[in-house]
Structure formats: C-alpha cells, structure tokens
Amino acid sequence: MLLREYKPADCAEMARLFYDTVHTVNLRDYTPEQVNAWATEKVDLAAWDASFRAHKTVIAEQNGEIIGFGDLDVKAGYLDRLYVHKDHQNEGVAAAICDALESVAETKTVTTHASLTAKGFFQKRGYAAIKEQQVERYGVWLTNFVMIKTI
C-alpha cells in the first residue's frame, strides 16, 4: 500500500469508492433508505475537489487502485471523510490514513463525526464520543457521533 497526496484526477474514483463503501459496509448499521440518502449517485465532484484541495487529503493506493482516502481540515483539526474500499476493510488502511492526517493537524485535538460503523475504530484510536447526534439527509435521519482525540 502506498500513501500519497490527492490529485484532482482522483475525485471521480473516490466518489465511486465512497458510494460502494457506504452501500456495502455501512449496511451493517444503517437501513437501505439511510445509505441511499447518505450516498447518492450524484456527488458534486467540483465541490468535493475544492474541499479535498483545501484540506490535507491522503490517498491509499494499491496496484494503481485507490483503496482508501481521508481528509483533514488542518487548521480546525476536523477529520472530514475517511473511507476504505469494501474489499480492503480491516487491512490497516484507515489506520495508516489517520496516522498521516493526525500527524499534520495544527491543533491539540482532532474531531470527527463518526458513523455507527466507524465509532469502534475511532474509539480504539483514542477518540472519545462527546455526543450522539441525528443528521438529516434528504429527509432521512442518520445517527452519528461527535468524537474527539487529544494529540
């Protein structure tokens, strides 16, 4: 596995990975209606690209294929997205991406909004759940957790 910087040409492949991951891995903890609202097939690639370029964005690649990605607002210490390909779960991909992102945070803490599926992963990394919250997407409510880690 190779970790590298984001390139705008990666964005469409990342959107596919995001969609596929949510619609397979996150089905363990969310209903089909919830995953359909969370990850639609209509990602605004221009907005995603702008966000990825404004953040520190790390790509995990294997054999030329993106197998994971994550991004961090370095100044705010907000870990925005972290997704690993459905066929590469539990291989250390997310941990490697988090290590790279947490190491460049310009804050004393890193905060994320973790899904039910990701909560245990973040807890093992030393994040504490501050509060459970309900987030509305297209009229559908999803549970996630505000989590924070002191670094």
N, C-alpha and C. Protein backbone atom coordinates (compact mmCIF):
# COMPACT_ATOMS: atom_id res chain seq x y z
N MET A 1 0.85 -1.18 0.00
CA MET A 1 0.00 0.00 0.00
C MET A 1 0.89 1.24 0.00
N LEU A 2 0.53 2.19 -0.83
CA LEU A 2 1.23 3.45 -0.95
C LEU A 2 0.30 4.57 -0.48
N LEU A 3 0.80 5.45 0.39
CA LEU A 3 0.05 6.65 0.75
C LEU A 3 0.61 7.80 -0.07
N ARG A 4 -0.29 8.61 -0.61
CA ARG A 4 0.15 9.73 -1.43
C ARG A 4 -0.82 10.89 -1.32
N GLU A 5 -0.41 12.02 -1.86
CA GLU A 5 -1.25 13.22 -1.88
C GLU A 5 -2.38 13.07 -2.91
N TYR A 6 -3.45 13.77 -2.66
CA TYR A 6 -4.60 13.83 -3.57
C TYR A 6 -4.24 14.59 -4.84
N LYS A 7 -4.80 14.13 -5.95
CA LYS A 7 -4.74 14.83 -7.24
C LYS A 7 -6.18 14.99 -7.73
N PRO A 8 -6.52 16.12 -8.33
CA PRO A 8 -7.90 16.31 -8.82
C PRO A 8 -8.39 15.16 -9.71
N ALA A 9 -7.52 14.50 -10.43
CA ALA A 9 -7.92 13.38 -11.29
C ALA A 9 -8.44 12.20 -10.47
N ASP A 10 -8.19 12.18 -9.15
CA ASP A 10 -8.65 11.10 -8.27
C ASP A 10 -10.12 11.20 -7.90
N CYS A 11 -10.70 12.37 -8.05
CA CYS A 11 -12.00 12.67 -7.43
C CYS A 11 -13.12 11.71 -7.86
N ALA A 12 -13.24 11.41 -9.12
CA ALA A 12 -14.33 10.53 -9.58
C ALA A 12 -14.17 9.12 -9.01
N GLU A 13 -12.94 8.61 -8.97
CA GLU A 13 -12.71 7.28 -8.40
C GLU A 13 -13.02 7.28 -6.90
N MET A 14 -12.70 8.38 -6.22
CA MET A 14 -13.00 8.49 -4.79
C MET A 14 -14.51 8.51 -4.55
N ALA A 15 -15.25 9.18 -5.42
CA ALA A 15 -16.71 9.23 -5.29
C ALA A 15 -17.30 7.83 -5.47
N ARG A 16 -16.77 7.06 -6.40
CA ARG A 16 -17.25 5.68 -6.58
C ARG A 16 -16.93 4.82 -5.35
N LEU A 17 -15.72 4.97 -4.82
CA LEU A 17 -15.34 4.23 -3.62
C LEU A 17 -16.27 4.59 -2.46
N PHE A 18 -16.52 5.87 -2.27
CA PHE A 18 -17.43 6.34 -1.23
C PHE A 18 -18.80 5.68 -1.37
N TYR A 19 -19.38 5.75 -2.57
CA TYR A 19 -20.70 5.18 -2.81
C TYR A 19 -20.71 3.68 -2.51
N ASP A 20 -19.75 2.96 -3.07
CA ASP A 20 -19.70 1.50 -2.89
C ASP A 20 -19.49 1.11 -1.44
N THR A 21 -18.65 1.84 -0.73
CA THR A 21 -18.38 1.53 0.67
C THR A 21 -19.63 1.73 1.53
N VAL A 22 -20.26 2.87 1.38
CA VAL A 22 -21.46 3.16 2.17
C VAL A 22 -22.55 2.13 1.87
N HIS A 23 -22.70 1.76 0.60
CA HIS A 23 -23.78 0.85 0.21
C HIS A 23 -23.48 -0.61 0.50
N THR A 24 -22.29 -0.92 0.98
CA THR A 24 -21.99 -2.30 1.38
C THR A 24 -21.61 -2.36 2.86
N VAL A 25 -20.52 -1.72 3.24
CA VAL A 25 -20.01 -1.79 4.61
C VAL A 25 -20.99 -1.19 5.61
N ASN A 26 -21.52 -0.02 5.30
CA ASN A 26 -22.38 0.67 6.26
C ASN A 26 -23.78 0.08 6.35
N LEU A 27 -24.12 -0.84 5.48
CA LEU A 27 -25.40 -1.54 5.59
C LEU A 27 -25.48 -2.39 6.85
N ARG A 28 -24.34 -2.65 7.49
CA ARG A 28 -24.36 -3.38 8.77
C ARG A 28 -25.10 -2.60 9.84
N ASP A 29 -25.05 -1.28 9.74
CA ASP A 29 -25.58 -0.43 10.82
C ASP A 29 -26.67 0.54 10.40
N TYR A 30 -26.92 0.66 9.11
CA TYR A 30 -27.91 1.60 8.60
C TYR A 30 -28.85 0.88 7.63
N THR A 31 -30.05 1.40 7.50
CA THR A 31 -31.04 0.80 6.60
C THR A 31 -30.73 1.18 5.15
N PRO A 32 -31.30 0.43 4.20
CA PRO A 32 -31.12 0.82 2.79
C PRO A 32 -31.57 2.25 2.53
N GLU A 33 -32.66 2.67 3.14
CA GLU A 33 -33.13 4.05 2.96
C GLU A 33 -32.07 5.04 3.46
N GLN A 34 -31.43 4.74 4.58
CA GLN A 34 -30.41 5.64 5.13
C GLN A 34 -29.17 5.69 4.25
N VAL A 35 -28.68 4.55 3.78
CA VAL A 35 -27.48 4.59 2.93
C VAL A 35 -27.77 5.25 1.59
N ASN A 36 -29.00 5.10 1.08
CA ASN A 36 -29.36 5.78 -0.17
C ASN A 36 -29.36 7.30 0.00
N ALA A 37 -29.78 7.77 1.18
CA ALA A 37 -29.76 9.21 1.44
C ALA A 37 -28.34 9.71 1.69
N TRP A 38 -27.54 8.92 2.37
CA TRP A 38 -26.17 9.28 2.73
C TRP A 38 -25.29 9.37 1.49
N ALA A 39 -25.37 8.35 0.65
CA ALA A 39 -24.50 8.28 -0.53
C ALA A 39 -25.36 8.11 -1.77
N THR A 40 -25.68 9.23 -2.39
CA THR A 40 -26.42 9.18 -3.64
C THR A 40 -25.42 9.01 -4.78
N GLU A 41 -25.91 8.75 -5.95
CA GLU A 41 -25.02 8.63 -7.10
C GLU A 41 -24.69 10.00 -7.68
N LYS A 42 -25.16 11.06 -7.04
CA LYS A 42 -24.97 12.42 -7.56
C LYS A 42 -24.02 13.21 -6.67
N VAL A 43 -22.75 12.86 -6.68
CA VAL A 43 -21.75 13.61 -5.93
C VAL A 43 -21.37 14.84 -6.74
N ASP A 44 -21.31 15.99 -6.09
CA ASP A 44 -20.85 17.22 -6.73
C ASP A 44 -19.32 17.17 -6.77
N LEU A 45 -18.78 16.66 -7.87
CA LEU A 45 -17.33 16.46 -7.97
C LEU A 45 -16.55 17.76 -7.85
N ALA A 46 -17.10 18.85 -8.35
CA ALA A 46 -16.39 20.14 -8.25
C ALA A 46 -16.29 20.57 -6.78
N ALA A 47 -17.36 20.38 -6.02
CA ALA A 47 -17.34 20.74 -4.60
C ALA A 47 -16.41 19.82 -3.83
N TRP A 48 -16.45 18.52 -4.13
CA TRP A 48 -15.55 17.58 -3.46
C TRP A 48 -14.11 17.94 -3.77
N ASP A 49 -13.80 18.20 -5.03
CA ASP A 49 -12.43 18.55 -5.41
C ASP A 49 -11.95 19.79 -4.66
N ALA A 50 -12.79 20.81 -4.60
CA ALA A 50 -12.41 22.04 -3.88
C ALA A 50 -12.14 21.74 -2.41
N SER A 51 -12.98 20.91 -1.80
CA SER A 51 -12.80 20.54 -0.40
C SER A 51 -11.52 19.74 -0.20
N PHE A 52 -11.28 18.77 -1.06
CA PHE A 52 -10.07 17.96 -0.95
C PHE A 52 -8.81 18.83 -1.11
N ARG A 53 -8.86 19.81 -2.00
CA ARG A 53 -7.70 20.67 -2.21
C ARG A 53 -7.51 21.65 -1.05
N ALA A 54 -8.59 22.03 -0.38
CA ALA A 54 -8.49 22.94 0.77
C ALA A 54 -8.00 22.21 2.02
N HIS A 55 -8.17 20.91 2.06
CA HIS A 55 -7.77 20.08 3.21
C HIS A 55 -6.48 19.33 2.89
N LYS A 56 -5.93 18.71 3.90
CA LYS A 56 -4.88 17.71 3.69
C LYS A 56 -5.63 16.42 3.34
N THR A 57 -5.40 15.93 2.14
CA THR A 57 -6.11 14.74 1.67
C THR A 57 -5.09 13.66 1.34
N VAL A 58 -5.28 12.50 1.94
CA VAL A 58 -4.37 11.37 1.76
C VAL A 58 -5.10 10.26 1.03
N ILE A 59 -4.42 9.72 0.03
CA ILE A 59 -4.94 8.61 -0.76
C ILE A 59 -4.13 7.36 -0.42
N ALA A 60 -4.81 6.24 -0.21
CA ALA A 60 -4.15 4.93 -0.09
C ALA A 60 -4.37 4.23 -1.42
N GLU A 61 -3.27 3.77 -1.99
CA GLU A 61 -3.32 3.16 -3.31
C GLU A 61 -2.62 1.81 -3.29
N GLN A 62 -3.17 0.88 -4.03
CA GLN A 62 -2.55 -0.44 -4.17
C GLN A 62 -2.71 -0.89 -5.61
N ASN A 63 -1.61 -1.23 -6.24
CA ASN A 63 -1.62 -1.66 -7.64
C ASN A 63 -2.36 -0.67 -8.54
N GLY A 64 -2.14 0.63 -8.28
CA GLY A 64 -2.73 1.67 -9.10
C GLY A 64 -4.19 1.96 -8.83
N GLU A 65 -4.78 1.30 -7.84
CA GLU A 65 -6.19 1.49 -7.50
C GLU A 65 -6.29 2.19 -6.15
N ILE A 66 -7.20 3.16 -6.05
CA ILE A 66 -7.45 3.82 -4.77
C ILE A 66 -8.23 2.86 -3.89
N ILE A 67 -7.66 2.57 -2.71
CA ILE A 67 -8.32 1.64 -1.78
C ILE A 67 -8.78 2.35 -0.51
N GLY A 68 -8.50 3.65 -0.41
CA GLY A 68 -8.96 4.41 0.74
C GLY A 68 -8.56 5.86 0.60
N PHE A 69 -9.25 6.71 1.35
CA PHE A 69 -8.89 8.13 1.37
C PHE A 69 -9.43 8.77 2.64
N GLY A 70 -8.82 9.86 3.00
CA GLY A 70 -9.27 10.64 4.14
C GLY A 70 -8.83 12.08 3.97
N ASP A 71 -9.53 12.99 4.61
CA ASP A 71 -9.13 14.40 4.53
C ASP A 71 -9.36 15.10 5.87
N LEU A 72 -8.48 16.05 6.12
CA LEU A 72 -8.45 16.77 7.39
C LEU A 72 -8.32 18.26 7.13
N ASP A 73 -9.19 19.04 7.78
CA ASP A 73 -9.00 20.50 7.81
C ASP A 73 -7.91 20.73 8.85
N VAL A 74 -6.70 20.98 8.40
CA VAL A 74 -5.52 21.02 9.25
C VAL A 74 -5.63 22.10 10.32
N LYS A 75 -6.12 23.28 9.97
CA LYS A 75 -6.21 24.39 10.93
C LYS A 75 -7.28 24.16 11.99
N ALA A 76 -8.41 23.57 11.60
CA ALA A 76 -9.51 23.32 12.54
C ALA A 76 -9.36 21.98 13.26
N GLY A 77 -8.55 21.08 12.71
CA GLY A 77 -8.42 19.75 13.30
C GLY A 77 -9.64 18.89 13.09
N TYR A 78 -10.35 19.12 11.98
CA TYR A 78 -11.57 18.36 11.69
C TYR A 78 -11.29 17.30 10.64
N LEU A 79 -11.39 16.03 11.03
CA LEU A 79 -11.24 14.92 10.10
C LEU A 79 -12.60 14.75 9.43
N ASP A 80 -12.68 15.12 8.17
CA ASP A 80 -13.96 15.19 7.47
C ASP A 80 -14.40 13.83 6.95
N ARG A 81 -13.64 13.27 6.01
CA ARG A 81 -14.03 11.99 5.41
C ARG A 81 -12.93 10.96 5.64
N LEU A 82 -13.35 9.71 5.81
CA LEU A 82 -12.43 8.58 5.91
C LEU A 82 -13.18 7.35 5.40
N TYR A 83 -12.77 6.86 4.23
CA TYR A 83 -13.45 5.73 3.62
C TYR A 83 -12.42 4.75 3.08
N VAL A 84 -12.71 3.47 3.27
CA VAL A 84 -11.84 2.40 2.79
C VAL A 84 -12.68 1.48 1.90
N HIS A 85 -12.11 1.11 0.78
CA HIS A 85 -12.76 0.24 -0.19
C HIS A 85 -13.35 -0.99 0.50
N LYS A 86 -14.52 -1.39 0.07
CA LYS A 86 -15.23 -2.52 0.69
C LYS A 86 -14.41 -3.81 0.70
N ASP A 87 -13.50 -3.97 -0.26
CA ASP A 87 -12.69 -5.19 -0.33
C ASP A 87 -11.37 -5.07 0.44
N HIS A 88 -11.16 -3.95 1.12
CA HIS A 88 -9.90 -3.73 1.85
C HIS A 88 -10.14 -3.31 3.30
N GLN A 89 -11.26 -3.75 3.85
CA GLN A 89 -11.56 -3.48 5.25
C GLN A 89 -10.63 -4.30 6.14
N ASN A 90 -10.31 -3.77 7.31
CA ASN A 90 -9.51 -4.47 8.33
C ASN A 90 -8.12 -4.89 7.84
N GLU A 91 -7.54 -4.07 6.97
CA GLU A 91 -6.18 -4.31 6.49
C GLU A 91 -5.20 -3.22 6.95
N GLY A 92 -5.66 -2.31 7.81
CA GLY A 92 -4.80 -1.24 8.30
C GLY A 92 -4.81 0.01 7.43
N VAL A 93 -5.66 0.04 6.43
CA VAL A 93 -5.72 1.18 5.51
C VAL A 93 -6.18 2.44 6.25
N ALA A 94 -7.29 2.35 6.96
CA ALA A 94 -7.82 3.51 7.67
C ALA A 94 -6.84 3.99 8.74
N ALA A 95 -6.20 3.08 9.43
CA ALA A 95 -5.23 3.46 10.47
C ALA A 95 -4.06 4.22 9.86
N ALA A 96 -3.56 3.75 8.72
CA ALA A 96 -2.44 4.42 8.06
C ALA A 96 -2.83 5.83 7.61
N ILE A 97 -4.03 5.96 7.06
CA ILE A 97 -4.50 7.28 6.63
C ILE A 97 -4.65 8.20 7.84
N CYS A 98 -5.25 7.70 8.91
CA CYS A 98 -5.42 8.51 10.13
C CYS A 98 -4.08 8.93 10.71
N ASP A 99 -3.13 8.02 10.75
CA ASP A 99 -1.80 8.37 11.26
C ASP A 99 -1.23 9.54 10.48
N ALA A 100 -1.33 9.48 9.16
CA ALA A 100 -0.79 10.54 8.31
C ALA A 100 -1.53 11.86 8.54
N LEU A 101 -2.83 11.80 8.67
CA LEU A 101 -3.62 13.03 8.85
C LEU A 101 -3.42 13.63 10.24
N GLU A 102 -3.49 12.81 11.28
CA GLU A 102 -3.34 13.32 12.64
C GLU A 102 -1.97 13.96 12.85
N SER A 103 -0.97 13.47 12.14
CA SER A 103 0.40 13.99 12.33
C SER A 103 0.58 15.40 11.80
N VAL A 104 -0.35 15.89 10.97
CA VAL A 104 -0.20 17.24 10.40
C VAL A 104 -1.21 18.23 10.97
N ALA A 105 -2.06 17.79 11.89
CA ALA A 105 -3.04 18.70 12.49
C ALA A 105 -2.31 19.82 13.22
N GLU A 106 -2.80 21.02 13.05
CA GLU A 106 -2.21 22.20 13.71
C GLU A 106 -2.93 22.53 15.01
N THR A 107 -3.69 21.59 15.51
CA THR A 107 -4.48 21.77 16.73
C THR A 107 -4.07 20.72 17.76
N LYS A 108 -4.52 20.93 18.98
CA LYS A 108 -4.23 19.96 20.04
C LYS A 108 -5.21 18.80 20.04
N THR A 109 -6.30 18.96 19.31
CA THR A 109 -7.31 17.91 19.23
C THR A 109 -7.72 17.70 17.78
N VAL A 110 -8.20 16.50 17.50
CA VAL A 110 -8.80 16.19 16.21
C VAL A 110 -10.23 15.75 16.50
N THR A 111 -11.16 16.29 15.73
CA THR A 111 -12.58 15.99 15.88
C THR A 111 -13.09 15.34 14.61
N THR A 112 -14.02 14.42 14.76
CA THR A 112 -14.68 13.83 13.60
C THR A 112 -16.12 13.53 13.95
N HIS A 113 -16.93 13.34 12.93
CA HIS A 113 -18.31 12.88 13.10
C HIS A 113 -18.32 11.46 12.57
N ALA A 114 -18.31 10.49 13.46
CA ALA A 114 -18.16 9.08 13.11
C ALA A 114 -19.51 8.39 12.98
N SER A 115 -19.62 7.57 11.96
CA SER A 115 -20.82 6.76 11.77
C SER A 115 -20.89 5.68 12.85
N LEU A 116 -22.04 5.04 12.93
CA LEU A 116 -22.18 3.89 13.82
C LEU A 116 -21.12 2.84 13.46
N THR A 117 -20.88 2.68 12.18
CA THR A 117 -19.93 1.68 11.70
C THR A 117 -18.50 2.02 12.10
N ALA A 118 -18.14 3.29 12.08
CA ALA A 118 -16.76 3.72 12.34
C ALA A 118 -16.48 4.03 13.81
N LYS A 119 -17.50 4.10 14.63
CA LYS A 119 -17.32 4.51 16.03
C LYS A 119 -16.28 3.65 16.75
N GLY A 120 -16.37 2.36 16.65
CA GLY A 120 -15.42 1.45 17.33
C GLY A 120 -13.99 1.65 16.85
N PHE A 121 -13.81 1.87 15.56
CA PHE A 121 -12.48 2.14 15.01
C PHE A 121 -11.87 3.37 15.68
N PHE A 122 -12.64 4.44 15.75
CA PHE A 122 -12.12 5.67 16.34
C PHE A 122 -11.89 5.51 17.84
N GLN A 123 -12.75 4.79 18.53
CA GLN A 123 -12.53 4.55 19.96
C GLN A 123 -11.21 3.84 20.19
N LYS A 124 -10.89 2.85 19.37
CA LYS A 124 -9.62 2.13 19.50
C LYS A 124 -8.42 3.04 19.25
N ARG A 125 -8.63 4.13 18.52
CA ARG A 125 -7.56 5.09 18.24
C ARG A 125 -7.47 6.18 19.32
N GLY A 126 -8.29 6.08 20.34
CA GLY A 126 -8.23 7.06 21.43
C GLY A 126 -9.21 8.21 21.33
N TYR A 127 -10.14 8.12 20.40
CA TYR A 127 -11.18 9.15 20.30
C TYR A 127 -12.27 8.85 21.32
N ALA A 128 -12.83 9.90 21.90
CA ALA A 128 -13.94 9.77 22.84
C ALA A 128 -15.20 10.31 22.19
N ALA A 129 -16.30 9.60 22.37
CA ALA A 129 -17.58 10.07 21.85
C ALA A 129 -18.10 11.17 22.79
N ILE A 130 -18.23 12.36 22.25
CA ILE A 130 -18.70 13.51 23.04
C ILE A 130 -20.22 13.55 23.06
N LYS A 131 -20.83 13.27 21.90
CA LYS A 131 -22.29 13.23 21.86
C LYS A 131 -22.76 12.46 20.64
N GLU A 132 -23.93 11.86 20.80
CA GLU A 132 -24.63 11.21 19.69
C GLU A 132 -25.51 12.28 19.06
N GLN A 133 -25.60 12.25 17.74
CA GLN A 133 -26.46 13.22 17.08
C GLN A 133 -27.20 12.59 15.92
N GLN A 134 -28.29 13.23 15.54
CA GLN A 134 -29.08 12.83 14.38
C GLN A 134 -28.84 13.85 13.27
N VAL A 135 -28.48 13.35 12.10
CA VAL A 135 -28.19 14.20 10.95
C VAL A 135 -29.21 13.89 9.87
N GLU A 136 -29.79 14.93 9.29
CA GLU A 136 -30.80 14.75 8.26
C GLU A 136 -30.18 14.85 6.88
N ARG A 137 -30.47 13.87 6.04
CA ARG A 137 -30.04 13.87 4.64
C ARG A 137 -31.26 13.55 3.78
N TYR A 138 -31.67 14.50 2.97
CA TYR A 138 -32.80 14.28 2.05
C TYR A 138 -34.02 13.73 2.77
N GLY A 139 -34.30 14.27 3.95
CA GLY A 139 -35.48 13.87 4.71
C GLY A 139 -35.33 12.58 5.50
N VAL A 140 -34.14 12.01 5.51
CA VAL A 140 -33.88 10.76 6.22
C VAL A 140 -32.89 11.06 7.35
N TRP A 141 -33.13 10.50 8.54
CA TRP A 141 -32.29 10.76 9.70
C TRP A 141 -31.27 9.64 9.90
N LEU A 142 -30.02 10.04 10.15
CA LEU A 142 -28.93 9.09 10.40
C LEU A 142 -28.27 9.45 11.72
N THR A 143 -27.87 8.44 12.47
CA THR A 143 -27.16 8.64 13.72
C THR A 143 -25.67 8.66 13.46
N ASN A 144 -24.98 9.62 14.08
CA ASN A 144 -23.53 9.58 14.12
C ASN A 144 -23.06 10.16 15.44
N PHE A 145 -21.74 10.21 15.63
CA PHE A 145 -21.19 10.62 16.92
C PHE A 145 -20.10 11.66 16.71
N VAL A 146 -20.18 12.74 17.47
CA VAL A 146 -19.09 13.70 17.51
C VAL A 146 -18.03 13.06 18.41
N MET A 147 -16.83 12.90 17.86
CA MET A 147 -15.75 12.25 18.60
C MET A 147 -14.52 13.14 18.56
N ILE A 148 -13.74 13.09 19.63
CA ILE A 148 -12.57 13.96 19.75
C ILE A 148 -11.38 13.19 20.32
N LYS A 149 -10.21 13.55 19.84
CA LYS A 149 -8.97 12.93 20.33
C LYS A 149 -7.95 14.02 20.61
N THR A 150 -7.32 13.94 21.75
CA THR A 150 -6.21 14.84 22.07
C THR A 150 -4.94 14.24 21.47
N ILE A 151 -4.20 15.08 20.74
CA ILE A 151 -2.97 14.59 20.12
C ILE A 151 -1.74 15.29 20.65
